Amino acid sequence: MAEKNILLIDDEETIQEVVQIGIEIEAGWQVETASSGTEGINLATHRQPDAILLDIMMPDMDGIATLSRLKSNAKTSAIPVIFLTAKTQAVEKEQFRNLGVADIITKPFNAMTLASQIAKILGWNF
């Protein structure tokens, strides 16, 4: 399988490290991280990742606002976005799906199977 480039937008350094290590070990994909919605949008625009993992609860610009800006930008609108969130209520998940995300992965997650979850959601061979 061709190497994939994943952009993780999450303000927590621990989450960034766990996701990066897990995906790189499990799948050998490249993971780039951003600590804010603004930084993530800039990286997505310039780097064109294969997929974006996006935290919902972040200071300044939350994941919903970040997603809206990504979807309204012609350069990033087609990049699949998967929310990473601790919000697990069915009503919230349905609202998030209606925003145009590919799916939702709930925190806490297993970092060593995260790449296979992403591949399954996006229909990638793994």
N, C-alpha and C. Protein backbone atom coordinates (compact mmCIF):
# COMPACT_ATOMS: atom_id res chain seq x y z
N MET A 1 0.83 -1.19 0.00
CA MET A 1 0.00 0.00 0.00
C MET A 1 0.87 1.25 0.00
N ALA A 2 0.47 2.23 -0.78
CA ALA A 2 1.24 3.47 -0.85
C ALA A 2 1.19 4.18 0.49
N GLU A 3 2.27 4.84 0.81
CA GLU A 3 2.32 5.59 2.06
C GLU A 3 1.31 6.72 2.02
N LYS A 4 0.60 6.89 3.11
CA LYS A 4 -0.38 7.95 3.24
C LYS A 4 0.18 9.06 4.12
N ASN A 5 -0.34 10.24 3.91
CA ASN A 5 0.02 11.40 4.73
C ASN A 5 -1.21 11.83 5.51
N ILE A 6 -1.10 11.80 6.82
CA ILE A 6 -2.20 12.13 7.70
C ILE A 6 -1.87 13.41 8.44
N LEU A 7 -2.81 14.32 8.52
CA LEU A 7 -2.66 15.54 9.31
C LEU A 7 -3.52 15.39 10.56
N LEU A 8 -2.91 15.53 11.72
CA LEU A 8 -3.62 15.51 12.99
C LEU A 8 -3.68 16.94 13.51
N ILE A 9 -4.90 17.42 13.76
CA ILE A 9 -5.09 18.75 14.35
C ILE A 9 -5.65 18.52 15.75
N ASP A 10 -4.80 18.72 16.75
CA ASP A 10 -5.19 18.48 18.15
C ASP A 10 -4.27 19.32 19.03
N ASP A 11 -4.84 20.00 20.02
CA ASP A 11 -4.05 20.89 20.86
C ASP A 11 -3.30 20.17 21.97
N GLU A 12 -3.53 18.87 22.16
CA GLU A 12 -2.87 18.12 23.24
C GLU A 12 -1.63 17.40 22.70
N GLU A 13 -0.46 17.77 23.25
CA GLU A 13 0.79 17.17 22.79
C GLU A 13 0.82 15.66 22.98
N THR A 14 0.26 15.18 24.08
CA THR A 14 0.26 13.74 24.35
C THR A 14 -0.51 13.00 23.27
N ILE A 15 -1.66 13.52 22.87
CA ILE A 15 -2.45 12.90 21.79
C ILE A 15 -1.65 12.92 20.50
N GLN A 16 -0.99 14.04 20.21
CA GLN A 16 -0.18 14.13 19.00
C GLN A 16 0.88 13.03 18.97
N GLU A 17 1.58 12.86 20.08
CA GLU A 17 2.65 11.86 20.13
C GLU A 17 2.10 10.44 19.99
N VAL A 18 1.03 10.13 20.71
CA VAL A 18 0.45 8.79 20.69
C VAL A 18 -0.05 8.45 19.28
N VAL A 19 -0.77 9.37 18.66
CA VAL A 19 -1.29 9.14 17.31
C VAL A 19 -0.14 8.96 16.32
N GLN A 20 0.83 9.85 16.38
CA GLN A 20 1.95 9.79 15.44
C GLN A 20 2.70 8.47 15.57
N ILE A 21 3.04 8.08 16.78
CA ILE A 21 3.78 6.83 16.98
C ILE A 21 2.94 5.63 16.55
N GLY A 22 1.68 5.59 16.97
CA GLY A 22 0.82 4.46 16.64
C GLY A 22 0.65 4.27 15.14
N ILE A 23 0.34 5.34 14.43
CA ILE A 23 0.11 5.24 12.98
C ILE A 23 1.40 4.90 12.25
N GLU A 24 2.50 5.51 12.66
CA GLU A 24 3.77 5.23 11.98
C GLU A 24 4.20 3.78 12.21
N ILE A 25 4.00 3.25 13.42
CA ILE A 25 4.37 1.85 13.68
C ILE A 25 3.42 0.91 12.96
N GLU A 26 2.12 1.14 13.06
CA GLU A 26 1.15 0.22 12.49
C GLU A 26 1.16 0.22 10.97
N ALA A 27 1.22 1.41 10.36
CA ALA A 27 1.03 1.50 8.92
C ALA A 27 2.21 2.09 8.15
N GLY A 28 3.12 2.74 8.84
CA GLY A 28 4.24 3.38 8.15
C GLY A 28 3.83 4.67 7.44
N TRP A 29 2.67 5.20 7.80
CA TRP A 29 2.23 6.46 7.20
C TRP A 29 2.91 7.63 7.87
N GLN A 30 3.02 8.71 7.14
CA GLN A 30 3.58 9.95 7.68
C GLN A 30 2.48 10.72 8.39
N VAL A 31 2.77 11.19 9.60
CA VAL A 31 1.81 11.98 10.36
C VAL A 31 2.41 13.35 10.64
N GLU A 32 1.68 14.37 10.26
CA GLU A 32 2.09 15.74 10.57
C GLU A 32 1.08 16.27 11.57
N THR A 33 1.54 17.10 12.50
CA THR A 33 0.64 17.58 13.54
C THR A 33 0.52 19.10 13.52
N ALA A 34 -0.64 19.55 13.96
CA ALA A 34 -0.91 20.97 14.14
C ALA A 34 -1.60 21.12 15.49
N SER A 35 -1.27 22.18 16.21
CA SER A 35 -1.80 22.39 17.56
C SER A 35 -3.01 23.29 17.62
N SER A 36 -3.44 23.82 16.47
CA SER A 36 -4.60 24.71 16.44
C SER A 36 -5.31 24.58 15.10
N GLY A 37 -6.54 25.02 15.08
CA GLY A 37 -7.30 24.99 13.83
C GLY A 37 -6.64 25.84 12.75
N THR A 38 -6.17 27.01 13.10
CA THR A 38 -5.53 27.90 12.13
C THR A 38 -4.28 27.25 11.53
N GLU A 39 -3.43 26.68 12.39
CA GLU A 39 -2.23 26.00 11.92
C GLU A 39 -2.60 24.81 11.04
N GLY A 40 -3.62 24.06 11.44
CA GLY A 40 -4.07 22.91 10.67
C GLY A 40 -4.57 23.27 9.29
N ILE A 41 -5.34 24.34 9.21
CA ILE A 41 -5.87 24.80 7.91
C ILE A 41 -4.71 25.18 6.99
N ASN A 42 -3.72 25.89 7.54
CA ASN A 42 -2.56 26.29 6.73
C ASN A 42 -1.79 25.07 6.23
N LEU A 43 -1.57 24.09 7.12
CA LEU A 43 -0.85 22.88 6.70
C LEU A 43 -1.65 22.10 5.67
N ALA A 44 -2.95 21.96 5.90
CA ALA A 44 -3.79 21.22 4.95
C ALA A 44 -3.77 21.86 3.58
N THR A 45 -3.82 23.18 3.54
CA THR A 45 -3.83 23.91 2.28
C THR A 45 -2.53 23.69 1.51
N HIS A 46 -1.40 23.74 2.22
CA HIS A 46 -0.10 23.64 1.55
C HIS A 46 0.36 22.22 1.32
N ARG A 47 0.04 21.29 2.21
CA ARG A 47 0.56 19.92 2.13
C ARG A 47 -0.39 18.92 1.49
N GLN A 48 -1.68 19.24 1.44
CA GLN A 48 -2.67 18.35 0.82
C GLN A 48 -2.59 16.92 1.37
N PRO A 49 -2.85 16.72 2.66
CA PRO A 49 -2.77 15.37 3.22
C PRO A 49 -3.86 14.46 2.64
N ASP A 50 -3.68 13.15 2.81
CA ASP A 50 -4.68 12.19 2.34
C ASP A 50 -5.91 12.17 3.24
N ALA A 51 -5.72 12.52 4.51
CA ALA A 51 -6.84 12.57 5.46
C ALA A 51 -6.44 13.47 6.63
N ILE A 52 -7.47 13.97 7.32
CA ILE A 52 -7.25 14.83 8.49
C ILE A 52 -7.97 14.21 9.68
N LEU A 53 -7.25 14.10 10.79
CA LEU A 53 -7.85 13.74 12.07
C LEU A 53 -8.00 15.04 12.84
N LEU A 54 -9.20 15.33 13.31
CA LEU A 54 -9.49 16.65 13.87
C LEU A 54 -10.16 16.54 15.23
N ASP A 55 -9.52 17.13 16.23
CA ASP A 55 -10.11 17.21 17.57
C ASP A 55 -11.25 18.23 17.54
N ILE A 56 -12.28 18.00 18.32
CA ILE A 56 -13.39 18.94 18.36
C ILE A 56 -13.15 20.04 19.38
N MET A 57 -12.71 19.67 20.58
CA MET A 57 -12.56 20.64 21.65
C MET A 57 -11.15 21.21 21.68
N MET A 58 -11.00 22.40 21.10
CA MET A 58 -9.71 23.09 21.09
C MET A 58 -9.98 24.56 21.41
N PRO A 59 -9.01 25.24 22.03
CA PRO A 59 -9.19 26.67 22.29
C PRO A 59 -9.14 27.47 20.99
N ASP A 60 -9.56 28.69 21.06
CA ASP A 60 -9.58 29.61 19.92
C ASP A 60 -10.56 29.15 18.84
N MET A 61 -10.15 28.26 17.97
CA MET A 61 -11.03 27.76 16.91
C MET A 61 -11.28 26.27 17.16
N ASP A 62 -12.52 25.91 17.46
CA ASP A 62 -12.81 24.50 17.75
C ASP A 62 -12.85 23.68 16.45
N GLY A 63 -13.02 22.38 16.60
CA GLY A 63 -13.00 21.50 15.45
C GLY A 63 -14.13 21.75 14.47
N ILE A 64 -15.28 22.16 14.96
CA ILE A 64 -16.41 22.42 14.06
C ILE A 64 -16.13 23.63 13.19
N ALA A 65 -15.59 24.70 13.79
CA ALA A 65 -15.22 25.88 13.00
C ALA A 65 -14.09 25.56 12.03
N THR A 66 -13.13 24.75 12.48
CA THR A 66 -12.02 24.34 11.61
C THR A 66 -12.55 23.54 10.42
N LEU A 67 -13.44 22.60 10.69
CA LEU A 67 -14.03 21.80 9.62
C LEU A 67 -14.76 22.68 8.61
N SER A 68 -15.51 23.64 9.10
CA SER A 68 -16.24 24.55 8.22
C SER A 68 -15.28 25.29 7.29
N ARG A 69 -14.17 25.77 7.82
CA ARG A 69 -13.19 26.48 7.00
C ARG A 69 -12.52 25.54 6.00
N LEU A 70 -12.23 24.30 6.43
CA LEU A 70 -11.63 23.32 5.51
C LEU A 70 -12.59 23.01 4.37
N LYS A 71 -13.87 22.82 4.68
CA LYS A 71 -14.86 22.47 3.66
C LYS A 71 -15.16 23.63 2.71
N SER A 72 -14.97 24.86 3.16
CA SER A 72 -15.26 26.01 2.31
C SER A 72 -14.06 26.44 1.45
N ASN A 73 -12.91 25.79 1.65
CA ASN A 73 -11.70 26.11 0.90
C ASN A 73 -11.57 25.11 -0.25
N ALA A 74 -11.50 25.59 -1.48
CA ALA A 74 -11.42 24.71 -2.65
C ALA A 74 -10.21 23.77 -2.58
N LYS A 75 -9.12 24.19 -1.95
CA LYS A 75 -7.92 23.36 -1.88
C LYS A 75 -8.04 22.23 -0.86
N THR A 76 -8.95 22.36 0.11
CA THR A 76 -9.04 21.35 1.18
C THR A 76 -10.42 20.69 1.28
N SER A 77 -11.37 21.13 0.50
CA SER A 77 -12.75 20.65 0.66
C SER A 77 -12.92 19.15 0.40
N ALA A 78 -12.07 18.56 -0.43
CA ALA A 78 -12.22 17.14 -0.76
C ALA A 78 -11.42 16.22 0.17
N ILE A 79 -10.62 16.78 1.06
CA ILE A 79 -9.83 15.94 1.98
C ILE A 79 -10.77 15.37 3.04
N PRO A 80 -10.79 14.03 3.19
CA PRO A 80 -11.67 13.45 4.21
C PRO A 80 -11.21 13.82 5.62
N VAL A 81 -12.19 14.17 6.45
CA VAL A 81 -11.92 14.56 7.83
C VAL A 81 -12.59 13.57 8.77
N ILE A 82 -11.84 13.10 9.76
CA ILE A 82 -12.37 12.22 10.80
C ILE A 82 -12.22 12.97 12.12
N PHE A 83 -13.34 13.13 12.83
CA PHE A 83 -13.27 13.76 14.14
C PHE A 83 -12.70 12.78 15.16
N LEU A 84 -11.83 13.28 16.03
CA LEU A 84 -11.36 12.55 17.21
C LEU A 84 -11.99 13.29 18.40
N THR A 85 -12.82 12.61 19.18
CA THR A 85 -13.51 13.32 20.23
C THR A 85 -13.83 12.45 21.42
N ALA A 86 -13.95 13.09 22.57
CA ALA A 86 -14.42 12.41 23.78
C ALA A 86 -15.94 12.50 23.88
N LYS A 87 -16.56 13.26 22.99
CA LYS A 87 -18.02 13.38 23.00
C LYS A 87 -18.60 12.12 22.37
N THR A 88 -19.40 11.40 23.14
CA THR A 88 -19.83 10.08 22.67
C THR A 88 -21.34 9.90 22.59
N GLN A 89 -22.10 10.92 22.91
CA GLN A 89 -23.55 10.77 22.85
C GLN A 89 -24.02 10.64 21.40
N ALA A 90 -25.00 9.78 21.18
CA ALA A 90 -25.50 9.51 19.83
C ALA A 90 -25.97 10.78 19.14
N VAL A 91 -26.62 11.67 19.87
CA VAL A 91 -27.13 12.91 19.29
C VAL A 91 -25.97 13.76 18.77
N GLU A 92 -24.90 13.86 19.56
CA GLU A 92 -23.74 14.63 19.15
C GLU A 92 -23.09 14.00 17.92
N LYS A 93 -22.92 12.69 17.93
CA LYS A 93 -22.31 12.01 16.79
C LYS A 93 -23.12 12.25 15.51
N GLU A 94 -24.43 12.20 15.60
CA GLU A 94 -25.28 12.45 14.43
C GLU A 94 -25.10 13.87 13.93
N GLN A 95 -25.03 14.83 14.85
CA GLN A 95 -24.80 16.23 14.46
C GLN A 95 -23.46 16.38 13.75
N PHE A 96 -22.43 15.71 14.26
CA PHE A 96 -21.11 15.79 13.65
C PHE A 96 -21.13 15.19 12.24
N ARG A 97 -21.77 14.05 12.08
CA ARG A 97 -21.84 13.42 10.74
C ARG A 97 -22.55 14.34 9.75
N ASN A 98 -23.56 15.06 10.21
CA ASN A 98 -24.28 15.97 9.33
C ASN A 98 -23.43 17.15 8.88
N LEU A 99 -22.30 17.38 9.53
CA LEU A 99 -21.38 18.45 9.14
C LEU A 99 -20.48 18.05 7.99
N GLY A 100 -20.48 16.76 7.64
CA GLY A 100 -19.69 16.32 6.50
C GLY A 100 -18.41 15.58 6.85
N VAL A 101 -18.28 15.10 8.09
CA VAL A 101 -17.09 14.32 8.42
C VAL A 101 -17.25 12.90 7.90
N ALA A 102 -16.12 12.27 7.62
CA ALA A 102 -16.15 10.88 7.14
C ALA A 102 -16.65 9.95 8.23
N ASP A 103 -16.22 10.21 9.46
CA ASP A 103 -16.66 9.41 10.61
C ASP A 103 -16.11 10.05 11.87
N ILE A 104 -16.34 9.36 12.98
CA ILE A 104 -15.92 9.84 14.29
C ILE A 104 -15.20 8.70 15.00
N ILE A 105 -14.02 8.99 15.54
CA ILE A 105 -13.30 8.04 16.38
C ILE A 105 -13.32 8.62 17.79
N THR A 106 -13.78 7.81 18.72
CA THR A 106 -13.97 8.27 20.09
C THR A 106 -12.69 8.12 20.90
N LYS A 107 -12.37 9.16 21.67
CA LYS A 107 -11.27 9.10 22.63
C LYS A 107 -11.83 8.49 23.91
N PRO A 108 -11.11 7.65 24.61
CA PRO A 108 -9.78 7.15 24.24
C PRO A 108 -9.88 6.10 23.13
N PHE A 109 -8.83 5.99 22.37
CA PHE A 109 -8.77 5.03 21.27
C PHE A 109 -7.49 4.22 21.42
N ASN A 110 -7.41 3.12 20.70
CA ASN A 110 -6.21 2.29 20.72
C ASN A 110 -5.27 2.79 19.62
N ALA A 111 -4.17 3.39 20.02
CA ALA A 111 -3.23 3.97 19.05
C ALA A 111 -2.65 2.93 18.11
N MET A 112 -2.56 1.68 18.56
CA MET A 112 -1.93 0.65 17.74
C MET A 112 -2.89 0.06 16.70
N THR A 113 -4.16 0.44 16.75
CA THR A 113 -5.11 0.00 15.71
C THR A 113 -5.75 1.20 15.01
N LEU A 114 -5.25 2.39 15.29
CA LEU A 114 -5.84 3.61 14.72
C LEU A 114 -5.73 3.64 13.20
N ALA A 115 -4.59 3.25 12.66
CA ALA A 115 -4.41 3.27 11.20
C ALA A 115 -5.41 2.33 10.52
N SER A 116 -5.64 1.15 11.09
CA SER A 116 -6.60 0.23 10.48
C SER A 116 -8.02 0.78 10.58
N GLN A 117 -8.34 1.50 11.67
CA GLN A 117 -9.65 2.15 11.77
C GLN A 117 -9.81 3.20 10.67
N ILE A 118 -8.78 4.01 10.48
CA ILE A 118 -8.81 5.06 9.45
C ILE A 118 -8.98 4.42 8.07
N ALA A 119 -8.19 3.38 7.80
CA ALA A 119 -8.27 2.69 6.50
C ALA A 119 -9.67 2.15 6.26
N LYS A 120 -10.27 1.55 7.27
CA LYS A 120 -11.62 0.99 7.14
C LYS A 120 -12.63 2.10 6.85
N ILE A 121 -12.55 3.20 7.60
CA ILE A 121 -13.49 4.32 7.40
C ILE A 121 -13.38 4.87 5.98
N LEU A 122 -12.17 5.00 5.48
CA LEU A 122 -11.95 5.67 4.19
C LEU A 122 -11.89 4.70 3.01
N GLY A 123 -12.03 3.39 3.30
CA GLY A 123 -12.03 2.41 2.21
C GLY A 123 -10.66 2.20 1.59
N TRP A 124 -9.61 2.43 2.38
CA TRP A 124 -8.25 2.22 1.91
C TRP A 124 -7.87 0.77 2.14
N ASN A 125 -7.07 0.20 1.24
CA ASN A 125 -6.51 -1.13 1.46
C ASN A 125 -5.45 -1.01 2.54
N PHE A 126 -5.43 -1.99 3.41
CA PHE A 126 -4.47 -1.92 4.52
C PHE A 126 -3.84 -3.27 4.71
